[in-house]
Amino acid sequence: MPDQLINLCIDARNVSVPAGVTVAAAIAMNGSGITRLSVGGHARAPLCGMGVCQECRVTINGRSHQLSCQTLCADGMNVVTAGEVAA
């Protein structure tokens, strides 16, 4: 049986990823990997992969400051990062 694909939107781009993938991994696979900007305007990306560093924060379905490394992708999810701003 082929892997189930999850369809979601990352920064206004429709993407598909295998079921069980975290939002942080989906961002890395389908974009710049940048999740937010620091106070000084520098690009930030997931560092620890376990939710401690807080560098992976994104907006998911309108809720800001969600940890993308601890959130599994779901069908129809809408993710907004600072990646497009930093690019």
C-alpha atoms as a PDB file:
ATOM      1  CA  MET A   1       0.000   0.000   0.000  1.00  0.00           C
ATOM      2  CA  PRO A   2       1.503   3.382  -0.971  1.00  0.00           C
ATOM      3  CA  ASP A   3       2.135   6.005   1.663  1.00  0.00           C
ATOM      4  CA  GLN A   4      -0.819   8.269   2.339  1.00  0.00           C
ATOM      5  CA  LEU A   5      -0.188  11.863   1.299  1.00  0.00           C
ATOM      6  CA  ILE A   6      -1.268  14.844   3.379  1.00  0.00           C
ATOM      7  CA  ASN A   7      -2.187  18.031   1.503  1.00  0.00           C
ATOM      8  CA  LEU A   8      -1.537  21.347   3.214  1.00  0.00           C
ATOM      9  CA  CYS A   9      -0.720  24.960   2.409  1.00  0.00           C
ATOM     10  CA  ILE A  10       2.634  26.486   3.384  1.00  0.00           C
ATOM     11  CA  ASP A  11       2.995  30.209   2.729  1.00  0.00           C
ATOM     12  CA  ALA A  12       0.171  30.163   0.151  1.00  0.00           C
ATOM     13  CA  ARG A  13       1.701  27.169  -1.689  1.00  0.00           C
ATOM     14  CA  ASN A  14      -0.159  23.850  -1.827  1.00  0.00           C
ATOM     15  CA  VAL A  15       2.152  20.963  -0.963  1.00  0.00           C
ATOM     16  CA  SER A  16       1.822  17.228  -0.323  1.00  0.00           C
ATOM     17  CA  VAL A  17       3.871  15.274   2.208  1.00  0.00           C
ATOM     18  CA  PRO A  18       3.739  11.708   3.528  1.00  0.00           C
ATOM     19  CA  ALA A  19       1.534  11.092   6.561  1.00  0.00           C
ATOM     20  CA  GLY A  20       3.466  11.318   9.834  1.00  0.00           C
ATOM     21  CA  VAL A  21       5.683  14.215   8.734  1.00  0.00           C
ATOM     22  CA  THR A  22       6.034  17.181  11.080  1.00  0.00           C
ATOM     23  CA  VAL A  23       5.289  20.701   9.910  1.00  0.00           C
ATOM     24  CA  ALA A  24       8.990  21.596  10.351  1.00  0.00           C
ATOM     25  CA  ALA A  25       9.973  18.743   8.023  1.00  0.00           C
ATOM     26  CA  ALA A  26       7.313  19.770   5.489  1.00  0.00           C
ATOM     27  CA  ILE A  27       8.686  23.319   5.516  1.00  0.00           C
ATOM     28  CA  ALA A  28      12.227  22.009   4.979  1.00  0.00           C
ATOM     29  CA  MET A  29      11.103  19.713   2.147  1.00  0.00           C
ATOM     30  CA  ASN A  30       9.019  22.358   0.362  1.00  0.00           C
ATOM     31  CA  GLY A  31      10.604  25.710   0.974  1.00  0.00           C
ATOM     32  CA  SER A  32      13.457  27.630   2.444  1.00  0.00           C
ATOM     33  CA  GLY A  33      13.358  25.966   5.868  1.00  0.00           C
ATOM     34  CA  ILE A  34      13.025  29.381   7.500  1.00  0.00           C
ATOM     35  CA  THR A  35      10.254  29.481  10.072  1.00  0.00           C
ATOM     36  CA  ARG A  36      10.506  32.939  11.611  1.00  0.00           C
ATOM     37  CA  LEU A  37      12.599  36.082  11.957  1.00  0.00           C
ATOM     38  CA  SER A  38      14.475  37.087  15.089  1.00  0.00           C
ATOM     39  CA  VAL A  39      13.845  40.441  16.767  1.00  0.00           C
ATOM     40  CA  GLY A  40      16.836  41.737  14.794  1.00  0.00           C
ATOM     41  CA  GLY A  41      15.341  40.503  11.509  1.00  0.00           C
ATOM     42  CA  HIS A  42      17.593  37.471  11.030  1.00  0.00           C
ATOM     43  CA  ALA A  43      16.201  34.265   9.531  1.00  0.00           C
ATOM     44  CA  ARG A  44      15.634  31.470  12.048  1.00  0.00           C
ATOM     45  CA  ALA A  45      14.968  27.765  11.531  1.00  0.00           C
ATOM     46  CA  PRO A  46      14.369  24.706  13.744  1.00  0.00           C
ATOM     47  CA  LEU A  47      17.421  23.886  15.813  1.00  0.00           C
ATOM     48  CA  CYS A  48      16.709  21.258  18.468  1.00  0.00           C
ATOM     49  CA  GLY A  49      13.844  19.325  16.850  1.00  0.00           C
ATOM     50  CA  MET A  50      12.162  18.709  20.199  1.00  0.00           C
ATOM     51  CA  GLY A  51      10.426  21.993  21.010  1.00  0.00           C
ATOM     52  CA  VAL A  52      12.937  23.382  23.500  1.00  0.00           C
ATOM     53  CA  CYS A  53      14.622  26.074  21.392  1.00  0.00           C
ATOM     54  CA  GLN A  54      11.338  27.604  20.128  1.00  0.00           C
ATOM     55  CA  GLU A  55      13.021  28.521  16.809  1.00  0.00           C
ATOM     56  CA  CYS A  56      10.449  26.545  14.818  1.00  0.00           C
ATOM     57  CA  ARG A  57       7.438  28.707  15.737  1.00  0.00           C
ATOM     58  CA  VAL A  58       4.947  29.297  12.926  1.00  0.00           C
ATOM     59  CA  THR A  59       1.289  30.202  12.545  1.00  0.00           C
ATOM     60  CA  ILE A  60      -0.926  27.164  11.985  1.00  0.00           C
ATOM     61  CA  ASN A  61      -4.573  27.647  11.056  1.00  0.00           C
ATOM     62  CA  GLY A  62      -4.468  31.193  12.408  1.00  0.00           C
ATOM     63  CA  ARG A  63      -2.863  30.264  15.746  1.00  0.00           C
ATOM     64  CA  SER A  64       0.535  31.917  16.146  1.00  0.00           C
ATOM     65  CA  HIS A  65       3.596  30.569  17.977  1.00  0.00           C
ATOM     66  CA  GLN A  66       2.903  26.898  17.230  1.00  0.00           C
ATOM     67  CA  LEU A  67       5.914  24.566  17.429  1.00  0.00           C
ATOM     68  CA  SER A  68       6.305  23.154  13.937  1.00  0.00           C
ATOM     69  CA  CYS A  69       8.749  20.462  15.055  1.00  0.00           C
ATOM     70  CA  GLN A  70       6.150  19.021  17.439  1.00  0.00           C
ATOM     71  CA  THR A  71       3.107  19.278  15.143  1.00  0.00           C
ATOM     72  CA  LEU A  72       2.194  16.603  12.621  1.00  0.00           C
ATOM     73  CA  CYS A  73       0.846  17.744   9.273  1.00  0.00           C
ATOM     74  CA  ALA A  74      -2.896  17.381   8.760  1.00  0.00           C
ATOM     75  CA  ASP A  75      -5.017  17.569   5.617  1.00  0.00           C
ATOM     76  CA  GLY A  76      -6.074  21.120   4.861  1.00  0.00           C
ATOM     77  CA  MET A  77      -3.667  22.691   7.372  1.00  0.00           C
ATOM     78  CA  ASN A  78      -2.625  26.281   6.638  1.00  0.00           C
ATOM     79  CA  VAL A  79       0.910  27.192   7.722  1.00  0.00           C
ATOM     80  CA  VAL A  80       2.398  30.694   7.616  1.00  0.00           C
ATOM     81  CA  THR A  81       6.124  31.239   8.175  1.00  0.00           C
ATOM     82  CA  ALA A  82       8.443  34.216   7.933  1.00  0.00           C
ATOM     83  CA  GLY A  83      10.356  32.411   5.170  1.00  0.00           C
ATOM     84  CA  GLU A  84       8.966  34.477   2.318  1.00  0.00           C
ATOM     85  CA  VAL A  85       9.800  37.702   4.168  1.00  0.00           C
ATOM     86  CA  ALA A  86      13.428  36.640   4.697  1.00  0.00           C
ATOM     87  CA  ALA A  87      13.976  35.321   1.188  1.00  0.00           C
END
